C-alpha atoms as a PDB file:
ATOM      1  CA  UNK A   1      21.192 -11.523  13.443  1.00  0.00           C
ATOM      2  CA  UNK A   2      19.970  -9.657  10.371  1.00  0.00           C
ATOM      3  CA  UNK A   3      16.460  -8.292  10.230  1.00  0.00           C
ATOM      4  CA  UNK A   4      14.668  -7.976   6.920  1.00  0.00           C
ATOM      5  CA  UNK A   5      12.454  -5.112   5.925  1.00  0.00           C
ATOM      6  CA  UNK A   6       8.918  -6.069   4.918  1.00  0.00           C
ATOM      7  CA  UNK A   7       7.720  -4.301   1.777  1.00  0.00           C
ATOM      8  CA  UNK A   8       4.008  -3.611   2.126  1.00  0.00           C
ATOM      9  CA  UNK A   9       1.460  -2.948  -0.562  1.00  0.00           C
ATOM     10  CA  UNK A  10      -1.914  -1.350   0.123  1.00  0.00           C
ATOM     11  CA  UNK A  11      -4.950  -1.924  -2.078  1.00  0.00           C
ATOM     12  CA  UNK A  12      -7.282   1.048  -1.811  1.00  0.00           C
ATOM     13  CA  UNK A  13      -6.446   4.667  -1.035  1.00  0.00           C
ATOM     14  CA  UNK A  14      -9.235   5.762   1.306  1.00  0.00           C
ATOM     15  CA  UNK A  15      -9.505   6.638   5.001  1.00  0.00           C
ATOM     16  CA  UNK A  16      -8.725   3.157   6.345  1.00  0.00           C
ATOM     17  CA  UNK A  17      -5.699   2.888   4.036  1.00  0.00           C
ATOM     18  CA  UNK A  18      -4.487   6.277   5.292  1.00  0.00           C
ATOM     19  CA  UNK A  19      -4.738   5.148   8.916  1.00  0.00           C
ATOM     20  CA  UNK A  20      -2.883   1.926   8.125  1.00  0.00           C
ATOM     21  CA  UNK A  21      -0.137   3.774   6.220  1.00  0.00           C
ATOM     22  CA  UNK A  22       0.323   6.279   9.053  1.00  0.00           C
ATOM     23  CA  UNK A  23       0.598   3.469  11.594  1.00  0.00           C
ATOM     24  CA  UNK A  24       2.904   1.464   9.338  1.00  0.00           C
ATOM     25  CA  UNK A  25       5.372   4.345   9.377  1.00  0.00           C
ATOM     26  CA  UNK A  26       5.886   3.711  13.104  1.00  0.00           C
ATOM     27  CA  UNK A  27       6.727   0.019  12.663  1.00  0.00           C
ATOM     28  CA  UNK A  28      10.402  -0.847  12.420  1.00  0.00           C
ATOM     29  CA  UNK A  29      11.474  -3.074   9.534  1.00  0.00           C
ATOM     30  CA  UNK A  30       8.428  -2.069   7.481  1.00  0.00           C
ATOM     31  CA  UNK A  31       8.283  -0.091   4.261  1.00  0.00           C
ATOM     32  CA  UNK A  32       5.241   1.153   2.378  1.00  0.00           C
ATOM     33  CA  UNK A  33       6.446  -0.053  -0.981  1.00  0.00           C
ATOM     34  CA  UNK A  34       3.301   0.329  -3.126  1.00  0.00           C
ATOM     35  CA  UNK A  35      -0.219   1.708  -3.195  1.00  0.00           C
ATOM     36  CA  UNK A  36      -2.921   0.764  -5.694  1.00  0.00           C
ATOM     37  CA  UNK A  37      -6.149   2.505  -6.509  1.00  0.00           C
ATOM     38  CA  UNK A  38      -8.589   2.214  -9.400  1.00  0.00           C
ATOM     39  CA  UNK A  39      -7.550   5.817 -10.084  1.00  0.00           C
ATOM     40  CA  UNK A  40      -3.821   6.332 -10.759  1.00  0.00           C
ATOM     41  CA  UNK A  41      -3.979  10.025  -9.841  1.00  0.00           C
ATOM     42  CA  UNK A  42      -5.402   9.144  -6.414  1.00  0.00           C
ATOM     43  CA  UNK A  43      -2.729   6.456  -5.972  1.00  0.00           C
ATOM     44  CA  UNK A  44       0.005   8.953  -6.847  1.00  0.00           C
ATOM     45  CA  UNK A  45      -1.303  11.508  -4.327  1.00  0.00           C
ATOM     46  CA  UNK A  46      -1.551   8.853  -1.615  1.00  0.00           C
ATOM     47  CA  UNK A  47       1.942   7.605  -2.462  1.00  0.00           C
ATOM     48  CA  UNK A  48       3.420  11.079  -2.147  1.00  0.00           C
ATOM     49  CA  UNK A  49       1.660  11.714   1.154  1.00  0.00           C
ATOM     50  CA  UNK A  50       2.857   8.447   2.719  1.00  0.00           C
ATOM     51  CA  UNK A  51       6.202   8.062   0.895  1.00  0.00           C
ATOM     52  CA  UNK A  52       5.321   4.917  -1.046  1.00  0.00           C
ATOM     53  CA  UNK A  53       7.962   3.798  -3.506  1.00  0.00           C
ATOM     54  CA  UNK A  54       5.471   3.146  -6.316  1.00  0.00           C
ATOM     55  CA  UNK A  55       1.816   3.781  -7.192  1.00  0.00           C
ATOM     56  CA  UNK A  56      -0.417   1.653  -9.371  1.00  0.00           C
ATOM     57  CA  UNK A  57      -3.681   2.435 -11.134  1.00  0.00           C
ATOM     58  CA  UNK A  58      -4.747  -1.206 -10.930  1.00  0.00           C
ATOM     59  CA  UNK A  59      -4.996  -3.682  -8.085  1.00  0.00           C
ATOM     60  CA  UNK A  60      -3.717  -6.485 -10.294  1.00  0.00           C
ATOM     61  CA  UNK A  61      -0.457  -4.642 -11.031  1.00  0.00           C
ATOM     62  CA  UNK A  62       0.236  -4.340  -7.306  1.00  0.00           C
ATOM     63  CA  UNK A  63      -0.509  -8.013  -6.666  1.00  0.00           C
ATOM     64  CA  UNK A  64       1.865  -9.052  -9.453  1.00  0.00           C
ATOM     65  CA  UNK A  65       4.783  -6.963  -8.106  1.00  0.00           C
ATOM     66  CA  UNK A  66       7.384  -9.456  -6.862  1.00  0.00           C
ATOM     67  CA  UNK A  67       8.963  -6.867  -4.519  1.00  0.00           C
ATOM     68  CA  UNK A  68       5.919  -6.879  -2.225  1.00  0.00           C
ATOM     69  CA  UNK A  69       6.033  -9.151   0.821  1.00  0.00           C
ATOM     70  CA  UNK A  70       2.592  -8.413   2.315  1.00  0.00           C
ATOM     71  CA  UNK A  71      -0.608  -6.726   1.129  1.00  0.00           C
ATOM     72  CA  UNK A  72      -3.196  -4.868   3.192  1.00  0.00           C
ATOM     73  CA  UNK A  73      -6.595  -4.746   1.503  1.00  0.00           C
ATOM     74  CA  UNK A  74      -8.293  -1.497   2.479  1.00  0.00           C
ATOM     75  CA  UNK A  75     -11.348  -1.603   0.265  1.00  0.00           C
ATOM     76  CA  UNK A  76     -14.905  -1.918   1.552  1.00  0.00           C
ATOM     77  CA  UNK A  77     -16.432  -5.364   1.426  1.00  0.00           C
ATOM     78  CA  UNK A  78     -19.354  -5.645  -0.957  1.00  0.00           C
ATOM     79  CA  UNK A  79     -22.297  -7.666   0.284  1.00  0.00           C
ATOM     80  CA  UNK A  80     -24.901  -8.892  -2.158  1.00  0.00           C
END
């Protein structure tokens, strides 16, 4: 039986995203494929720290990436 690796994307590069990325590194068959932040520099730093394959400076670019199997949204919820 062949197991497939799940390519994860994370939207947001804050504390919760860091905790998720650290935990994800302990999960077999999972790969932190992409990180997105509204700030590309922050996404690049996060990507280097957690060995993401790619960093995006826009959430939309991450969502449109066909290589991503699952997305974790790590941004705060805005209440009005």
